[in-house]
Protein backbone atom coordinates (compact mmCIF):
# COMPACT_ATOMS: atom_id res chain seq x y z
CA MET A 1 10.79 18.43 -3.48
CA ASN A 2 14.56 18.45 -2.48
CA SER A 3 13.27 19.38 1.08
CA SER A 4 11.50 16.60 1.54
CA LYS A 5 12.33 14.54 4.72
CA PHE A 6 10.53 11.50 2.99
CA LEU A 7 11.96 11.51 -0.19
CA LYS A 8 15.39 12.34 1.67
CA ALA A 9 14.90 8.73 3.46
CA LEU A 10 14.11 6.83 0.32
CA ASN A 11 17.33 8.03 -1.00
CA LEU A 12 19.19 6.95 2.11
CA GLN A 13 20.07 10.46 3.44
CA SER A 14 20.01 10.96 7.02
CA ASN A 15 17.54 13.37 9.00
CA THR A 16 17.16 14.79 12.12
CA THR A 17 13.84 13.36 12.88
CA PRO A 18 12.31 10.20 10.83
CA PRO A 19 9.84 11.45 8.54
CA VAL A 20 6.15 9.72 9.05
CA TRP A 21 3.16 9.05 7.27
CA PHE A 22 0.59 5.79 8.11
CA MET A 23 -0.92 3.27 6.12
CA ARG A 24 -4.69 4.13 5.57
CA GLN A 25 -3.96 7.77 7.36
CA ALA A 26 -7.25 8.61 5.45
CA GLY A 27 -9.92 6.64 6.62
CA ARG A 28 -12.69 5.48 9.18
CA TYR A 29 -10.96 6.44 12.45
CA LEU A 30 -11.16 10.19 11.49
CA PRO A 31 -14.73 12.09 12.23
CA GLU A 32 -14.21 14.50 9.20
CA TYR A 33 -13.86 10.92 6.79
CA GLN A 34 -17.07 9.82 8.21
CA GLU A 35 -19.15 13.00 7.52
CA ILE A 36 -18.03 12.34 3.62
CA ARG A 37 -18.59 8.63 3.80
CA LYS A 38 -22.37 8.83 5.18
CA ASN A 39 -23.02 10.59 1.66
CA TYR A 40 -22.08 7.36 -0.61
CA THR A 41 -23.80 3.70 -0.16
CA ASN A 42 -20.77 2.23 -2.11
CA PHE A 43 -17.44 3.02 -1.07
CA LEU A 44 -16.30 2.47 -4.92
CA ASP A 45 -18.64 5.36 -5.94
CA MET A 46 -16.84 7.74 -3.56
CA CYS A 47 -13.45 6.50 -4.83
CA LYS A 48 -14.83 7.41 -8.60
CA GLN A 49 -14.96 11.10 -7.34
CA PRO A 50 -11.66 12.77 -7.96
CA GLU A 51 -12.53 15.73 -5.89
CA THR A 52 -13.58 13.98 -3.09
CA CYS A 53 -10.99 11.75 -2.78
CA ALA A 54 -8.16 14.92 -3.15
CA GLU A 55 -10.48 16.18 0.01
CA LEU A 56 -9.85 12.99 1.96
CA ALA A 57 -6.25 12.64 1.19
CA LEU A 58 -5.74 16.07 2.67
CA GLN A 59 -7.74 15.41 5.97
CA PRO A 60 -4.82 13.50 7.87
CA ILE A 61 -2.00 16.09 6.36
CA ASP A 62 -4.02 18.88 7.53
CA ARG A 63 -5.05 17.50 10.93
CA TYR A 64 -1.35 16.15 11.66
CA GLY A 65 1.09 17.72 9.58
CA LEU A 66 2.36 14.44 8.18
CA ASP A 67 5.46 14.40 5.58
CA ALA A 68 3.94 12.36 2.79
CA SER A 69 0.29 11.86 1.55
CA ILE A 70 -1.15 8.90 -0.21
CA LEU A 71 -3.50 8.80 -3.02
CA PHE A 72 -7.28 7.75 -1.68
CA SER A 73 -7.92 4.72 -3.76
CA ASP A 74 -8.56 1.39 -3.19
CA ILE A 75 -6.28 -1.51 -4.14
CA LEU A 76 -9.07 -3.36 -6.03
CA THR A 77 -9.51 -0.54 -8.97
CA ILE A 78 -7.57 -3.03 -11.24
CA PRO A 79 -9.88 -6.03 -10.91
CA ASP A 80 -12.85 -3.58 -11.35
CA ALA A 81 -11.45 -2.63 -14.70
CA PHE A 82 -11.61 -6.55 -15.46
CA ASN A 83 -15.32 -5.95 -15.09
CA LEU A 84 -15.24 -8.50 -12.08
CA GLY A 85 -18.43 -6.49 -10.66
CA LEU A 86 -16.60 -4.94 -7.49
CA ALA A 87 -18.93 -3.15 -4.82
CA PHE A 88 -18.21 -2.01 -1.37
CA HIS A 89 -21.55 -1.54 0.65
CA GLU A 90 -21.99 -0.12 4.10
CA GLY A 91 -20.48 -2.76 6.98
CA GLU A 92 -19.30 -5.18 4.42
CA GLY A 93 -15.93 -5.85 2.62
CA PRO A 94 -15.30 -6.00 -1.03
CA LYS A 95 -17.50 -8.20 -2.84
CA PHE A 96 -17.32 -9.50 -6.49
CA SER A 97 -20.37 -10.57 -8.22
CA ASN A 98 -18.45 -11.73 -11.32
CA PRO A 99 -15.07 -13.37 -10.06
CA ILE A 100 -12.98 -15.82 -11.64
CA SER A 101 -14.45 -19.16 -11.02
CA SER A 102 -12.68 -21.35 -13.51
CA ALA A 103 -9.57 -21.52 -16.03
CA GLU A 104 -11.87 -20.62 -18.66
CA ASP A 105 -12.74 -17.34 -16.83
CA ILE A 106 -9.11 -16.39 -17.35
CA ASN A 107 -8.82 -17.15 -20.99
CA HIS A 108 -12.08 -14.78 -21.39
CA LEU A 109 -10.86 -11.77 -19.26
CA ASP A 110 -11.62 -8.11 -20.99
CA ALA A 111 -8.16 -6.76 -21.78
CA PHE A 112 -6.77 -4.29 -19.65
CA ASP A 113 -7.61 -0.82 -20.53
CA VAL A 114 -6.01 2.07 -18.37
CA ASN A 115 -7.94 4.47 -19.53
CA THR A 116 -11.27 2.81 -17.58
CA LEU A 117 -9.25 3.89 -14.19
CA ASP A 118 -9.20 7.56 -15.64
CA TYR A 119 -10.81 8.72 -12.06
CA VAL A 120 -7.92 7.56 -9.93
CA PHE A 121 -5.34 9.41 -12.17
CA LYS A 122 -7.62 12.76 -11.92
CA ALA A 123 -7.66 12.25 -8.19
CA VAL A 124 -3.80 12.08 -8.28
CA GLU A 125 -4.01 15.34 -10.30
CA GLU A 126 -6.50 17.12 -8.06
CA THR A 127 -4.50 16.10 -4.83
CA LYS A 128 -1.50 17.55 -6.11
CA LYS A 129 -3.09 20.51 -6.64
CA LEU A 130 -4.25 20.86 -2.99
CA LEU A 131 -0.99 19.70 -1.30
CA PRO A 132 1.78 21.89 -0.31
CA LYS A 133 4.37 21.91 -2.94
CA ASP A 134 7.24 20.27 -1.16
CA LEU A 135 4.73 17.81 0.28
CA PRO A 136 5.18 14.14 -1.88
CA LEU A 137 2.28 12.11 -2.96
CA ILE A 138 2.27 8.46 -2.78
CA GLY A 139 0.30 6.39 -5.43
CA PHE A 140 -0.33 2.31 -5.28
CA CYS A 141 -1.46 -0.77 -5.92
CA GLY A 142 -1.92 -4.08 -4.94
CA SER A 143 0.53 -6.91 -5.66
CA PRO A 144 -0.44 -9.17 -8.43
CA TRP A 145 -0.66 -12.01 -5.75
CA THR A 146 -3.02 -9.68 -3.55
CA LEU A 147 -5.33 -8.68 -6.55
CA ALA A 148 -5.93 -12.40 -7.96
CA ALA A 149 -6.37 -13.92 -4.63
CA TYR A 150 -9.40 -11.41 -4.08
CA SER A 151 -10.31 -11.58 -7.72
CA ILE A 152 -11.03 -15.41 -7.33
CA GLU A 153 -12.03 -15.60 -3.68
CA GLY A 154 -14.89 -13.03 -4.69
CA GLY A 155 -13.85 -10.54 -1.69
CA GLY A 156 -12.01 -11.23 1.46
CA SER A 157 -11.94 -14.46 3.69
CA LYS A 158 -10.47 -15.87 6.56
CA ASP A 159 -8.99 -18.93 4.77
CA PHE A 160 -9.16 -17.94 0.94
CA TYR A 161 -10.36 -21.71 0.56
CA LYS A 162 -11.23 -21.09 -3.21
CA THR A 163 -8.23 -19.40 -4.19
CA LYS A 164 -5.79 -21.83 -2.32
CA SER A 165 -8.24 -24.50 -4.73
CA PHE A 166 -7.57 -22.95 -7.63
CA MET A 167 -3.87 -22.54 -7.31
CA LYS A 168 -3.65 -26.48 -6.53
CA HIS A 169 -5.55 -27.24 -9.84
CA HIS A 170 -4.81 -24.81 -12.16
CA PRO A 171 -1.35 -23.55 -11.53
CA ALA A 172 -0.53 -22.53 -15.23
CA GLU A 173 -3.79 -20.42 -15.47
CA LEU A 174 -3.01 -18.67 -12.37
CA GLN A 175 0.40 -17.86 -13.41
CA LYS A 176 -1.23 -16.77 -16.65
CA PHE A 177 -3.68 -14.28 -14.66
CA LEU A 178 -0.84 -13.17 -12.64
CA GLU A 179 1.01 -12.10 -15.77
CA ILE A 180 -2.00 -10.32 -16.91
CA LEU A 181 -2.34 -8.50 -13.23
CA SER A 182 1.63 -7.63 -13.50
CA ASN A 183 1.23 -6.02 -16.97
CA ALA A 184 -2.10 -4.03 -15.56
CA CYS A 185 -0.36 -2.67 -12.55
CA TYR A 186 2.57 -1.35 -14.67
CA GLU A 187 0.43 0.58 -17.01
CA TYR A 188 -1.55 1.64 -13.74
CA LEU A 189 1.02 2.97 -12.04
CA ARG A 190 2.91 4.67 -14.89
CA GLN A 191 0.06 6.61 -15.57
CA GLN A 192 0.02 7.47 -11.69
CA VAL A 193 3.77 8.47 -12.31
CA LEU A 194 2.40 10.68 -15.35
CA SER A 195 -0.16 12.37 -13.15
CA GLY A 196 1.75 13.27 -10.63
CA VAL A 197 2.91 10.47 -7.95
CA ASN A 198 6.25 11.13 -6.56
CA ALA A 199 6.90 7.57 -4.92
CA ILE A 200 4.87 4.16 -5.22
CA GLN A 201 4.19 1.60 -2.72
CA ILE A 202 3.05 -1.95 -3.44
CA PHE A 203 0.58 -3.68 -0.77
CA ASP A 204 1.32 -7.30 -0.67
CA SER A 205 -1.95 -7.78 1.69
CA TRP A 206 -2.07 -11.51 1.57
CA ALA A 207 1.53 -12.66 1.40
CA ASP A 208 0.91 -14.83 4.48
CA LEU A 209 -1.24 -17.13 2.96
CA LEU A 210 1.33 -18.74 0.76
CA SER A 211 4.03 -21.11 2.12
CA GLU A 212 8.03 -20.17 1.75
CA THR A 213 7.96 -21.90 -1.81
CA ASP A 214 4.54 -20.75 -3.00
CA LEU A 215 5.48 -16.99 -2.10
CA GLU A 216 8.32 -17.22 -4.58
CA ILE A 217 6.35 -18.91 -7.21
CA TYR A 218 2.93 -17.22 -7.15
CA SER A 219 3.99 -13.89 -5.13
CA LEU A 220 7.63 -12.33 -5.52
CA GLN A 221 8.38 -13.47 -9.15
CA TYR A 222 5.34 -11.36 -10.19
CA SER A 223 5.98 -8.39 -8.00
CA LYS A 224 9.74 -8.70 -9.47
CA MET A 225 8.17 -8.71 -12.73
CA LEU A 226 6.37 -5.41 -12.19
CA THR A 227 9.03 -3.47 -10.78
CA GLN A 228 11.80 -4.61 -13.63
CA LEU A 229 8.62 -3.07 -15.83
CA LEU A 230 8.60 0.42 -14.09
CA LYS A 231 12.67 0.36 -13.59
CA THR A 232 13.09 -0.10 -17.32
CA ASP A 233 10.78 2.56 -18.22
CA PRO A 234 12.13 5.82 -18.86
CA VAL A 235 8.53 7.49 -17.12
CA THR A 236 9.19 5.59 -13.73
CA SER A 237 12.54 4.48 -13.73
CA ASN A 238 13.65 7.08 -11.11
CA ILE A 239 10.33 6.68 -9.11
CA PRO A 240 11.35 5.10 -5.60
CA ILE A 241 9.26 1.70 -4.90
CA ILE A 242 8.48 0.60 -1.79
CA LEU A 243 7.11 -3.25 -1.06
CA PHE A 244 4.89 -3.88 1.73
CA GLU A 245 4.80 -7.79 2.73
CA LYS A 246 2.25 -8.48 5.22
CA ALA A 247 3.40 -11.31 7.57
CA PRO A 248 5.15 -13.65 4.83
CA ASN A 249 6.41 -17.29 5.33
CA LYS A 250 10.03 -15.90 4.15
CA LYS A 251 12.42 -13.75 5.87
CA ILE A 252 11.95 -10.18 5.03
CA ILE A 253 15.84 -9.71 4.06
CA ASP A 254 14.81 -11.99 0.98
CA PHE A 255 12.56 -9.68 -0.32
CA ALA A 256 14.94 -7.09 -0.35
CA TYR A 257 16.12 -6.95 -4.40
CA GLU A 258 17.72 -4.15 -6.56
CA ASP A 259 14.36 -2.38 -8.03
CA LEU A 260 13.08 -1.79 -4.54
CA SER A 261 14.05 1.62 -2.59
CA CYS A 262 12.43 0.57 0.55
CA ILE A 263 10.99 -2.54 2.98
CA SER A 264 7.84 -1.43 4.74
CA LEU A 265 7.55 -3.79 7.59
CA HIS A 266 4.75 -5.65 9.09
CA TRP A 267 4.39 -5.04 12.92
CA GLN A 268 5.25 -9.00 13.48
CA GLU A 269 8.99 -8.27 12.05
CA ASP A 270 12.02 -7.52 14.21
CA ILE A 271 13.28 -4.05 13.09
CA LEU A 272 16.37 -4.42 14.84
CA THR A 273 17.58 -7.55 13.11
CA ILE A 274 16.52 -6.15 9.42
CA SER A 275 17.88 -3.15 9.82
CA ASN A 276 21.26 -4.50 10.95
CA GLU A 277 21.19 -6.51 7.35
CA LEU A 278 19.93 -3.70 5.06
CA SER A 279 21.58 -0.90 6.30
CA GLY A 280 23.26 0.97 3.42
CA ARG A 281 21.20 -0.78 0.71
CA PHE A 282 17.47 -0.05 1.38
CA ALA A 283 15.33 2.60 3.13
CA ILE A 284 12.94 0.85 6.05
CA GLN A 285 9.72 1.83 6.67
CA GLY A 286 7.65 0.99 10.08
CA ASN A 287 6.53 -1.04 12.29
CA LEU A 288 4.68 -0.04 15.26
CA ASN A 289 1.65 -2.25 16.20
CA PRO A 290 -1.66 -0.07 15.46
CA LYS A 291 -2.75 -2.18 18.45
CA VAL A 292 -0.34 0.07 20.59
CA LEU A 293 -2.78 3.27 19.55
CA LEU A 294 -5.64 1.43 22.07
CA GLU A 295 -3.30 1.52 24.99
CA THR A 296 -2.25 4.53 27.15
CA ASP A 297 -0.39 7.73 26.23
CA GLN A 298 2.37 6.34 28.19
CA SER A 299 2.46 3.16 26.60
CA ILE A 300 2.31 4.84 23.22
CA TYR A 301 5.28 7.04 23.93
CA GLU A 302 7.30 4.20 25.27
CA GLU A 303 6.84 1.68 21.93
CA VAL A 304 7.37 4.50 19.57
CA LYS A 305 10.62 5.67 21.42
CA LYS A 306 12.17 2.05 21.30
CA ILE A 307 11.70 1.99 17.58
CA CYS A 308 13.18 5.47 17.09
CA THR A 309 16.04 4.68 19.52
CA ILE A 310 16.67 1.50 17.35
CA MET A 311 16.76 3.47 14.04
CA LYS A 312 17.98 6.47 15.28
CA GLU A 313 21.30 6.09 13.18
CA TYR A 314 19.92 4.40 10.42
CA PRO A 315 19.97 6.27 7.22
CA GLY A 316 17.10 6.14 5.39
CA TYR A 317 14.35 5.43 8.15
CA ILE A 318 10.71 6.19 7.77
CA PHE A 319 8.02 6.09 10.78
CA ASN A 320 5.01 4.26 10.02
CA LEU A 321 2.87 1.56 11.40
CA GLY A 322 3.16 -2.23 10.65
CA HIS A 323 -0.41 -2.35 9.01
CA GLY A 324 -3.05 0.04 8.24
CA ILE A 325 -4.74 1.98 11.11
CA THR A 326 -8.18 0.53 12.26
CA PRO A 327 -11.26 2.32 12.61
CA ASP A 328 -11.35 1.95 16.49
CA ILE A 329 -8.23 4.21 16.77
CA ASP A 330 -8.76 7.68 18.50
CA PRO A 331 -7.50 10.26 16.39
CA GLU A 332 -5.95 11.82 19.69
CA LYS A 333 -3.52 8.88 20.25
CA VAL A 334 -2.22 9.22 16.68
CA LYS A 335 -1.40 12.46 17.24
CA ILE A 336 0.31 11.33 20.63
CA MET A 337 2.42 8.84 18.32
CA ILE A 338 3.30 11.53 16.21
CA ASP A 339 4.21 14.28 18.85
CA ALA A 340 6.20 11.39 20.28
CA ILE A 341 8.25 10.51 17.04
CA ARG A 342 9.02 14.10 16.53
CA GLU A 343 10.33 14.84 20.21
């Protein structure tokens, strides 16, 4: 792994060209993914097949020669382990048949048993068998806040009205739930590391739901609790941690705290300003708008060049999208982007 450009960047070492991987790099935009996906009516059933997950994780590596692979799984495996009745059916987002609907539901939650997620750890092991020896594997989880939002809302939502109402009327119980989720995330990530992942990313996918004050109380506080648990455990203390905050109502530099190795930027963030603030302290990952990949080859080249020019001298830069890749992207446009980065 000493030759990994991705791990070098996480350790604030310079590379002649930035390493590149991207969020949701294995997924619906790839025809080879669709060939496998059509064999499953419920996405979660597919996620519970370790050999299939390994095959899916390798698809973008084989196609593009990326600098890191990411575990093929879903951020909602932990709520599923709490028996909230998670399912993903074709053409729909996640749905919980047994969401958190009252404060009493939190008091009566099943105890978290990390062994119920054994299929994820087997997927890590199977993926590591197939990956080139010098290619790192990223493990991940949803942030405690993001997992709580989905668990209370019962799925995705435009406004997360139920979650916001629960936060207003049951703040103490919500914080109790967030603490339970923080500990579950820690156990989950610890076992991913024992199974072979080389870095960790925490996805705070619903950071943008919260005001600046609530972001500190309900999100950042628990992400910090999680990373502190990881950094004080000998098993996970040396594993780099990346934090992705989706369009938070707070300056991103205020999210940069000592347990993190890297800040992954949403596409709305100003990478120039933030890189000036964080230089020499944190790696930076990001942050091309995925919608650029719907434009002309020349536009893609120019937008990539802008970011690469800004970050050319930054020790610890990783090229990525500023959000997950969307299903409407032509795989050939992704290749244009990668070729431009490496040029």
